[in-house]
Amino acid sequence: MPHVPSRFPHNDIMSLTSQHVRYDLAESVGPDLRLGTLFADGLGNALDELALAYGPTVGHVALRELIAARHGVDADDVITTAGSMQALFLLAFILSEPGAEAVIGRPCFPNARNVLDAVRMSLVELPMRFEDGYRLDVDRLGSLLSPRTRLVSLASPQNPSGVALSDSEVRDVLATMDRICPDAVLLVDETYREAVYGDAQVRASLVGRDRRVVSCASFSKCHGAPGIRTGWVITQDSALRAQLELAKFNTTISNSVVDEAIALRILRDLDRIMGERRRHLAAGLERVAAFVEAHAGMIDWIRPDAGALCCVRLRREVFDDAGVARFHHELALRETRLGPGPWFGDEARVCRLGFGVLALPDLDEALQRVSETLKAIAGAGQ
């Protein structure tokens, strides 16, 4: 039998795509859009004349113009990708070379870490802890950087915590990189940037702060269309953009023209779509906040800045390690799931709680089942 290298480690987060759970609080998305609603004027009218040919490698021009307008950049700075994961992979592949190092914030979406391992970059993790509110420690980052650092990978807002980088943190990160690794790229995954709550103001994209900042995102999370597998990468560095375009051409040539046509329709109606989704997220966040307050003796949390998710933690004085394991087991018997912290490189008593995907009555029921499980394990003395 041939030897097959294990470039991509297994992570149980794959269960999100393969194991259905009735009340899934482990999910990180919002409600899925429906084609019939999106194309209310008739799907056929919009797609009948669409030629199923190759699209431009950089992406549909009108789509890139709309993405650029929402980030304060030019359309020529934007390349569409097959979700943001293709953007992450291509960037890591381009920057990898013998001895190249990458620093990534942890906890994080596991695939963002795994692509760095897969291209054999030397990986250094920057821990961000629950007890510190998942805030970035710039001094600690500085201690991890070196002249060999080619990439610093962060997310704002983070997945799984929903915590966003502050302006001062970004400024200090760039200043630290200036001093130690001035040629490195700062990648910021901004997938949840527009998923704010209610009428809250959307923060400006960080991509305009410095030419070393690269932004990526997709339609999967706050836009409600993970099924079209469309995302983008933005850079104002012309040499890097040229390499990203070549890398995309040599892997997928172009995006699906059907997916990009759907993405274009979403962006043309995005203000209405996001208005509805932000109200839904605000209502979900309000319910989670009330739930945490009602169970403050057993759990605590970090309130998110944006996104459809947050981190909650089982209190150590109530749940020992065995109790944490029993909590997840008992919760599964109640057809409910939270995202275990180890999926993201966090401690086992931390869980990702997604409040965006479920309808509000189902979210109420899911939280009730979590409540019952917490009380059952704590009341039994573990």
Protein backbone atom coordinates (compact mmCIF):
# COMPACT_ATOMS: atom_id res chain seq x y z
CA MET A 1 0.00 0.00 0.00
CA PRO A 2 1.31 3.49 -0.80
CA HIS A 3 2.22 5.80 2.06
CA VAL A 4 -0.28 8.66 2.33
CA PRO A 5 1.00 11.66 4.34
CA SER A 6 -1.46 13.05 6.92
CA ARG A 7 -1.43 16.66 5.81
CA PHE A 8 -4.90 17.45 7.15
CA PRO A 9 -5.63 16.31 10.72
CA HIS A 10 -9.06 15.06 11.66
CA ASN A 11 -11.30 17.38 13.68
CA ASP A 12 -14.77 16.47 14.92
CA ILE A 13 -16.05 19.83 13.68
CA MET A 14 -16.66 17.88 10.45
CA SER A 15 -19.74 16.49 12.19
CA LEU A 16 -21.46 19.81 11.49
CA THR A 17 -21.77 18.76 7.83
CA SER A 18 -22.47 15.06 8.39
CA GLN A 19 -24.39 14.54 11.64
CA HIS A 20 -27.75 16.26 11.94
CA VAL A 21 -28.80 17.39 15.41
CA ARG A 22 -32.31 18.62 16.07
CA TYR A 23 -31.21 21.65 18.11
CA ASP A 24 -27.77 22.54 16.84
CA LEU A 25 -26.19 25.29 18.92
CA ALA A 26 -22.75 24.32 17.62
CA GLU A 27 -23.44 25.96 14.26
CA SER A 28 -21.89 29.31 13.42
CA VAL A 29 -24.18 30.49 10.62
CA GLY A 30 -27.44 32.40 10.40
CA PRO A 31 -30.65 31.26 8.70
CA ASP A 32 -30.14 30.00 5.15
CA LEU A 33 -31.46 32.13 2.32
CA ARG A 34 -33.84 30.44 -0.14
CA LEU A 35 -33.53 30.74 -3.90
CA GLY A 36 -37.27 31.21 -4.30
CA THR A 37 -37.19 34.22 -2.00
CA LEU A 38 -33.97 35.61 -3.40
CA PHE A 39 -35.28 35.42 -6.97
CA ALA A 40 -38.85 36.40 -6.22
CA ASP A 41 -39.17 37.79 -9.74
CA GLY A 42 -38.48 34.36 -11.18
CA LEU A 43 -35.34 32.21 -11.09
CA GLY A 44 -35.65 31.36 -14.75
CA ASN A 45 -35.73 35.00 -15.83
CA ALA A 46 -32.46 35.63 -14.02
CA LEU A 47 -30.54 32.51 -15.09
CA ASP A 48 -32.06 31.31 -18.40
CA GLU A 49 -29.57 33.25 -20.50
CA LEU A 50 -26.54 32.61 -18.31
CA ALA A 51 -23.85 30.86 -20.34
CA LEU A 52 -22.27 28.01 -18.39
CA ALA A 53 -18.79 29.01 -19.53
CA TYR A 54 -15.64 29.81 -17.62
CA GLY A 55 -15.88 33.04 -15.71
CA PRO A 56 -13.03 35.51 -15.27
CA THR A 57 -10.36 34.17 -12.91
CA VAL A 58 -10.57 37.31 -10.75
CA GLY A 59 -14.36 37.06 -10.58
CA HIS A 60 -17.41 38.75 -12.11
CA VAL A 61 -16.66 42.44 -12.45
CA ALA A 62 -20.01 43.65 -11.05
CA LEU A 63 -19.65 41.31 -8.07
CA ARG A 64 -16.15 42.58 -7.34
CA GLU A 65 -17.35 46.19 -7.61
CA LEU A 66 -20.04 45.59 -4.98
CA ILE A 67 -17.63 43.78 -2.66
CA ALA A 68 -15.09 46.58 -3.07
CA ALA A 69 -17.66 49.26 -2.29
CA ARG A 70 -18.43 47.60 1.06
CA HIS A 71 -14.72 47.57 1.95
CA GLY A 72 -13.64 51.00 0.75
CA VAL A 73 -11.26 49.66 -1.92
CA ASP A 74 -11.13 49.39 -5.71
CA ALA A 75 -12.63 46.46 -7.59
CA ASP A 76 -9.15 45.62 -8.89
CA ASP A 77 -8.14 44.83 -5.29
CA VAL A 78 -10.73 42.02 -5.06
CA ILE A 79 -10.47 38.41 -6.23
CA THR A 80 -13.41 36.08 -5.70
CA THR A 81 -12.65 32.62 -4.33
CA ALA A 82 -14.40 29.34 -3.56
CA GLY A 83 -15.34 30.43 -0.06
CA SER A 84 -12.83 32.14 2.19
CA MET A 85 -11.03 28.82 2.72
CA GLN A 86 -9.63 28.93 -0.81
CA ALA A 87 -8.35 32.42 -0.09
CA LEU A 88 -6.65 31.20 3.11
CA PHE A 89 -5.12 28.21 1.37
CA LEU A 90 -3.82 30.13 -1.65
CA LEU A 91 -2.31 32.85 0.52
CA ALA A 92 -0.59 30.29 2.75
CA PHE A 93 0.71 28.41 -0.29
CA ILE A 94 2.12 31.57 -1.86
CA LEU A 95 3.87 32.69 1.33
CA SER A 96 5.26 29.27 2.28
CA GLU A 97 8.95 28.67 1.70
CA PRO A 98 11.65 26.79 3.61
CA GLY A 99 11.91 28.29 7.08
CA ALA A 100 8.83 30.49 6.72
CA GLU A 101 6.84 30.98 9.92
CA ALA A 102 3.18 31.85 10.47
CA VAL A 103 1.59 33.11 13.68
CA ILE A 104 -2.10 32.39 14.20
CA GLY A 105 -4.43 33.47 16.98
CA ARG A 106 -5.95 30.65 19.02
CA PRO A 107 -8.75 29.64 19.49
CA CYS A 108 -9.63 29.76 15.81
CA PHE A 109 -11.62 28.08 13.08
CA PRO A 110 -9.60 24.83 12.77
CA ASN A 111 -9.36 24.89 8.98
CA ALA A 112 -7.56 28.24 9.14
CA ARG A 113 -4.85 26.57 11.21
CA ASN A 114 -4.78 23.35 9.23
CA VAL A 115 -4.02 24.96 5.87
CA LEU A 116 -0.88 26.48 7.39
CA ASP A 117 0.22 23.04 8.54
CA ALA A 118 -0.67 21.52 5.19
CA VAL A 119 1.69 23.80 3.27
CA ARG A 120 4.42 23.05 5.83
CA MET A 121 4.78 26.53 7.27
CA SER A 122 6.33 26.57 10.74
CA LEU A 123 3.30 27.34 12.87
CA VAL A 124 3.35 29.44 16.04
CA GLU A 125 0.15 29.84 18.06
CA LEU A 126 -0.83 33.05 19.86
CA PRO A 127 -3.12 32.05 22.75
CA MET A 128 -6.08 34.29 23.53
CA ARG A 129 -7.85 33.22 26.70
CA PHE A 130 -11.41 33.28 27.96
CA GLU A 131 -10.36 34.93 31.22
CA ASP A 132 -8.82 37.79 29.23
CA GLY A 133 -11.96 38.28 27.16
CA TYR A 134 -10.15 36.82 24.13
CA ARG A 135 -8.28 40.10 23.78
CA LEU A 136 -5.06 40.09 21.80
CA ASP A 137 -1.86 40.53 23.85
CA VAL A 138 0.38 42.54 21.50
CA ASP A 139 3.46 42.10 23.72
CA ARG A 140 3.00 38.35 23.60
CA LEU A 141 2.55 38.52 19.83
CA GLY A 142 5.82 40.43 19.60
CA SER A 143 7.61 37.67 21.50
CA LEU A 144 6.40 35.13 18.91
CA LEU A 145 7.35 37.08 15.78
CA SER A 146 10.73 36.74 14.09
CA PRO A 147 12.40 37.90 10.88
CA ARG A 148 11.21 34.58 9.40
CA THR A 149 7.54 35.41 10.02
CA ARG A 150 5.70 35.67 6.70
CA LEU A 151 2.10 35.63 7.88
CA VAL A 152 0.12 36.74 10.93
CA SER A 153 -3.38 35.23 10.76
CA LEU A 154 -6.20 36.73 12.85
CA ALA A 155 -9.97 37.04 12.64
CA SER A 156 -12.15 40.01 13.49
CA PRO A 157 -14.69 39.14 14.79
CA GLN A 158 -13.15 35.88 15.94
CA ASN A 159 -14.62 32.45 15.44
CA PRO A 160 -15.61 31.06 17.97
CA SER A 161 -15.84 34.05 20.35
CA GLY A 162 -17.30 36.86 18.20
CA VAL A 163 -14.74 39.28 19.71
CA ALA A 164 -13.44 41.93 17.29
CA LEU A 165 -10.03 43.56 17.16
CA SER A 166 -9.94 47.13 18.46
CA ASP A 167 -8.39 49.97 16.45
CA SER A 168 -5.59 50.26 19.00
CA GLU A 169 -4.83 46.54 18.80
CA VAL A 170 -4.55 46.68 15.01
CA ARG A 171 -2.32 49.74 15.22
CA ASP A 172 -0.07 48.05 17.76
CA VAL A 173 0.09 44.81 15.75
CA LEU A 174 1.23 46.67 12.65
CA ALA A 175 3.79 48.66 14.65
CA THR A 176 5.16 45.44 16.15
CA MET A 177 5.38 43.85 12.71
CA ASP A 178 7.18 46.99 11.46
CA ARG A 179 9.84 46.39 14.06
CA ILE A 180 10.33 42.64 13.70
CA CYS A 181 8.95 41.36 10.37
CA PRO A 182 8.14 44.36 8.14
CA ASP A 183 7.62 42.21 5.03
CA ALA A 184 5.06 39.89 6.65
CA VAL A 185 1.37 39.88 5.70
CA LEU A 186 -1.38 40.50 8.24
CA LEU A 187 -4.37 38.39 7.24
CA VAL A 188 -7.68 39.33 8.85
CA ASP A 189 -10.68 37.07 8.33
CA GLU A 190 -13.63 39.49 8.39
CA THR A 191 -16.37 36.96 7.66
CA TYR A 192 -18.57 38.22 10.53
CA ARG A 193 -17.81 41.93 10.12
CA GLU A 194 -21.29 42.90 8.91
CA ALA A 195 -23.15 40.55 11.27
CA VAL A 196 -23.82 43.23 13.89
CA TYR A 197 -26.84 43.35 16.17
CA GLY A 198 -29.91 45.40 15.36
CA ASP A 199 -28.96 48.97 14.46
CA ALA A 200 -25.34 48.74 15.64
CA GLN A 201 -22.80 50.35 13.35
CA VAL A 202 -20.73 48.10 11.09
CA ARG A 203 -17.01 48.59 11.62
CA ALA A 204 -14.94 49.63 8.62
CA SER A 205 -12.88 46.90 7.01
CA LEU A 206 -9.29 46.75 8.21
CA VAL A 207 -7.97 46.20 4.69
CA GLY A 208 -7.54 49.93 4.09
CA ARG A 209 -5.36 50.44 7.17
CA ASP A 210 -2.10 49.28 5.58
CA ARG A 211 -0.95 47.66 2.34
CA ARG A 212 0.21 44.60 4.33
CA VAL A 213 -3.36 43.89 5.51
CA VAL A 214 -5.20 41.22 3.52
CA SER A 215 -8.92 40.70 4.15
CA CYS A 216 -10.95 37.61 3.36
CA ALA A 217 -14.59 36.69 3.90
CA SER A 218 -17.43 34.74 2.31
CA PHE A 219 -21.17 34.49 1.86
CA SER A 220 -21.31 31.56 4.28
CA LYS A 221 -21.88 33.15 7.67
CA CYS A 222 -23.64 36.50 7.92
CA HIS A 223 -25.02 36.47 4.35
CA GLY A 224 -26.87 33.16 4.71
CA ALA A 225 -25.50 31.39 1.62
CA PRO A 226 -22.86 28.79 2.55
CA GLY A 227 -24.17 26.59 -0.25
CA ILE A 228 -22.86 28.79 -3.06
CA ARG A 229 -19.25 28.40 -1.87
CA THR A 230 -18.31 31.95 -2.81
CA GLY A 231 -15.95 34.27 -0.99
CA TRP A 232 -13.24 36.81 -1.67
CA VAL A 233 -9.76 37.98 -0.83
CA ILE A 234 -8.75 41.65 -0.90
CA THR A 235 -5.24 43.06 -1.11
CA GLN A 236 -3.89 46.43 -2.17
CA ASP A 237 -0.47 44.89 -2.82
CA SER A 238 -0.35 44.48 -6.62
CA ALA A 239 2.41 41.85 -6.56
CA LEU A 240 0.55 39.69 -4.04
CA ARG A 241 -2.70 40.13 -5.94
CA ALA A 242 -1.01 38.94 -9.15
CA GLN A 243 0.21 35.80 -7.39
CA LEU A 244 -3.23 35.14 -5.92
CA GLU A 245 -4.78 35.44 -9.37
CA LEU A 246 -2.25 32.99 -10.82
CA ALA A 247 -2.74 30.62 -7.89
CA LYS A 248 -6.50 30.63 -8.39
CA PHE A 249 -6.14 30.06 -12.14
CA ASN A 250 -3.84 27.10 -11.53
CA THR A 251 -6.21 25.47 -9.05
CA THR A 252 -9.84 26.23 -9.95
CA ILE A 253 -9.42 28.53 -13.01
CA SER A 254 -12.55 30.46 -12.02
CA ASN A 255 -15.53 30.39 -9.71
CA SER A 256 -18.85 28.86 -10.72
CA VAL A 257 -20.70 31.42 -12.83
CA VAL A 258 -23.98 30.20 -11.35
CA ASP A 259 -22.73 30.76 -7.80
CA GLU A 260 -21.44 34.21 -8.70
CA ALA A 261 -24.78 35.13 -10.30
CA ILE A 262 -26.51 34.20 -7.04
CA ALA A 263 -23.88 36.11 -5.04
CA LEU A 264 -24.46 39.17 -7.19
CA ARG A 265 -28.20 39.03 -6.51
CA ILE A 266 -27.50 38.79 -2.76
CA LEU A 267 -25.21 41.82 -2.76
CA ARG A 268 -27.65 43.91 -4.78
CA ASP A 269 -30.25 43.32 -2.07
CA LEU A 270 -27.88 43.05 0.87
CA ASP A 271 -29.06 46.06 2.87
CA ARG A 272 -32.55 44.55 3.14
CA ILE A 273 -31.21 41.04 3.74
CA MET A 274 -28.79 42.16 6.43
CA GLY A 275 -31.40 44.37 8.10
CA GLU A 276 -33.58 41.32 8.68
CA ARG A 277 -30.68 39.15 9.77
CA ARG A 278 -29.31 41.74 12.20
CA ARG A 279 -32.68 41.95 13.93
CA HIS A 280 -32.74 38.16 14.18
CA LEU A 281 -29.19 38.07 15.60
CA ALA A 282 -30.04 40.80 18.12
CA ALA A 283 -33.04 38.83 19.34
CA GLY A 284 -30.95 35.68 19.62
CA LEU A 285 -28.19 37.48 21.51
CA GLU A 286 -30.75 38.91 23.94
CA ARG A 287 -32.01 35.41 24.70
CA VAL A 288 -28.50 34.08 25.25
CA ALA A 289 -27.65 36.99 27.57
CA ALA A 290 -30.76 36.29 29.65
CA PHE A 291 -29.94 32.58 29.69
CA VAL A 292 -26.39 33.18 30.95
CA GLU A 293 -27.63 35.55 33.65
CA ALA A 294 -30.19 33.00 34.82
CA HIS A 295 -27.48 30.32 35.10
CA ALA A 296 -24.64 32.53 36.35
CA GLY A 297 -23.82 30.08 39.13
CA MET A 298 -22.96 27.38 36.57
CA ILE A 299 -21.67 29.20 33.47
CA ASP A 300 -20.18 32.48 32.35
CA TRP A 301 -19.58 33.95 28.90
CA ILE A 302 -17.82 36.55 26.79
CA ARG A 303 -20.33 38.83 25.11
CA PRO A 304 -19.58 38.97 21.36
CA ASP A 305 -19.03 42.15 19.34
CA ALA A 306 -20.65 40.66 16.23
CA GLY A 307 -21.47 37.35 14.60
CA ALA A 308 -23.90 34.51 15.18
CA LEU A 309 -21.92 32.91 17.99
CA CYS A 310 -20.25 33.34 21.37
CA CYS A 311 -18.23 31.40 23.92
CA VAL A 312 -19.68 30.14 27.20
CA ARG A 313 -17.71 28.33 29.90
CA LEU A 314 -18.75 25.76 32.47
CA ARG A 315 -17.61 26.98 35.88
CA ARG A 316 -14.71 24.95 37.27
CA GLU A 317 -16.10 25.03 40.81
CA VAL A 318 -19.27 23.28 39.59
CA PHE A 319 -18.04 20.99 36.80
CA ASP A 320 -14.86 18.94 37.08
CA ASP A 321 -13.35 17.34 33.97
CA ALA A 322 -15.59 14.30 34.22
CA GLY A 323 -18.60 16.56 34.67
CA VAL A 324 -17.75 18.43 31.46
CA ALA A 325 -17.71 15.15 29.54
CA ARG A 326 -21.02 14.07 31.12
CA PHE A 327 -22.55 17.44 30.24
CA HIS A 328 -21.91 16.92 26.52
CA HIS A 329 -23.08 13.31 26.71
CA GLU A 330 -26.33 14.22 28.46
CA LEU A 331 -26.91 17.14 26.11
CA ALA A 332 -26.61 14.81 23.12
CA LEU A 333 -29.31 12.58 24.64
CA ARG A 334 -31.52 15.67 24.56
CA GLU A 335 -30.86 16.04 20.79
CA THR A 336 -28.89 19.24 21.35
CA ARG A 337 -25.28 20.15 20.66
CA LEU A 338 -22.79 22.87 21.59
CA GLY A 339 -19.40 23.26 19.89
CA PRO A 340 -16.70 21.84 22.22
CA GLY A 341 -13.78 24.16 22.85
CA PRO A 342 -11.15 21.63 21.67
CA TRP A 343 -12.55 21.93 18.15
CA PHE A 344 -10.99 25.40 18.13
CA GLY A 345 -7.92 24.82 20.29
CA ASP A 346 -9.65 26.03 23.47
CA GLU A 347 -10.12 24.35 26.85
CA ALA A 348 -12.72 21.61 27.20
CA ARG A 349 -15.03 23.55 29.54
CA VAL A 350 -15.49 26.28 26.90
CA CYS A 351 -18.22 25.80 24.30
CA ARG A 352 -19.18 27.67 21.15
CA LEU A 353 -22.85 28.61 21.29
CA GLY A 354 -24.39 29.57 17.97
CA PHE A 355 -27.59 31.60 18.26
CA GLY A 356 -28.10 32.55 14.62
CA VAL A 357 -29.25 29.51 12.71
CA LEU A 358 -32.32 28.48 14.73
CA ALA A 359 -35.70 30.15 14.58
CA LEU A 360 -36.33 31.94 17.87
CA PRO A 361 -38.84 29.38 19.24
CA ASP A 362 -36.33 26.62 18.50
CA LEU A 363 -33.55 28.64 20.13
CA ASP A 364 -35.70 28.96 23.24
CA GLU A 365 -36.25 25.20 23.27
CA ALA A 366 -32.55 24.50 22.72
CA LEU A 367 -31.55 26.76 25.60
CA GLN A 368 -34.15 25.08 27.80
CA ARG A 369 -32.53 21.72 27.04
CA VAL A 370 -29.10 23.11 27.91
CA SER A 371 -30.61 24.41 31.16
CA GLU A 372 -32.02 21.00 32.02
CA THR A 373 -28.65 19.38 31.34
CA LEU A 374 -26.71 21.88 33.42
CA LYS A 375 -29.03 21.40 36.37
CA ALA A 376 -29.02 17.61 36.03
CA ILE A 377 -25.23 17.35 36.08
CA ALA A 378 -24.70 19.98 38.76
CA GLY A 379 -27.54 18.64 40.92
CA ALA A 380 -26.18 15.10 40.74
CA GLY A 381 -22.92 16.33 42.23
CA GLN A 382 -21.29 14.97 39.08
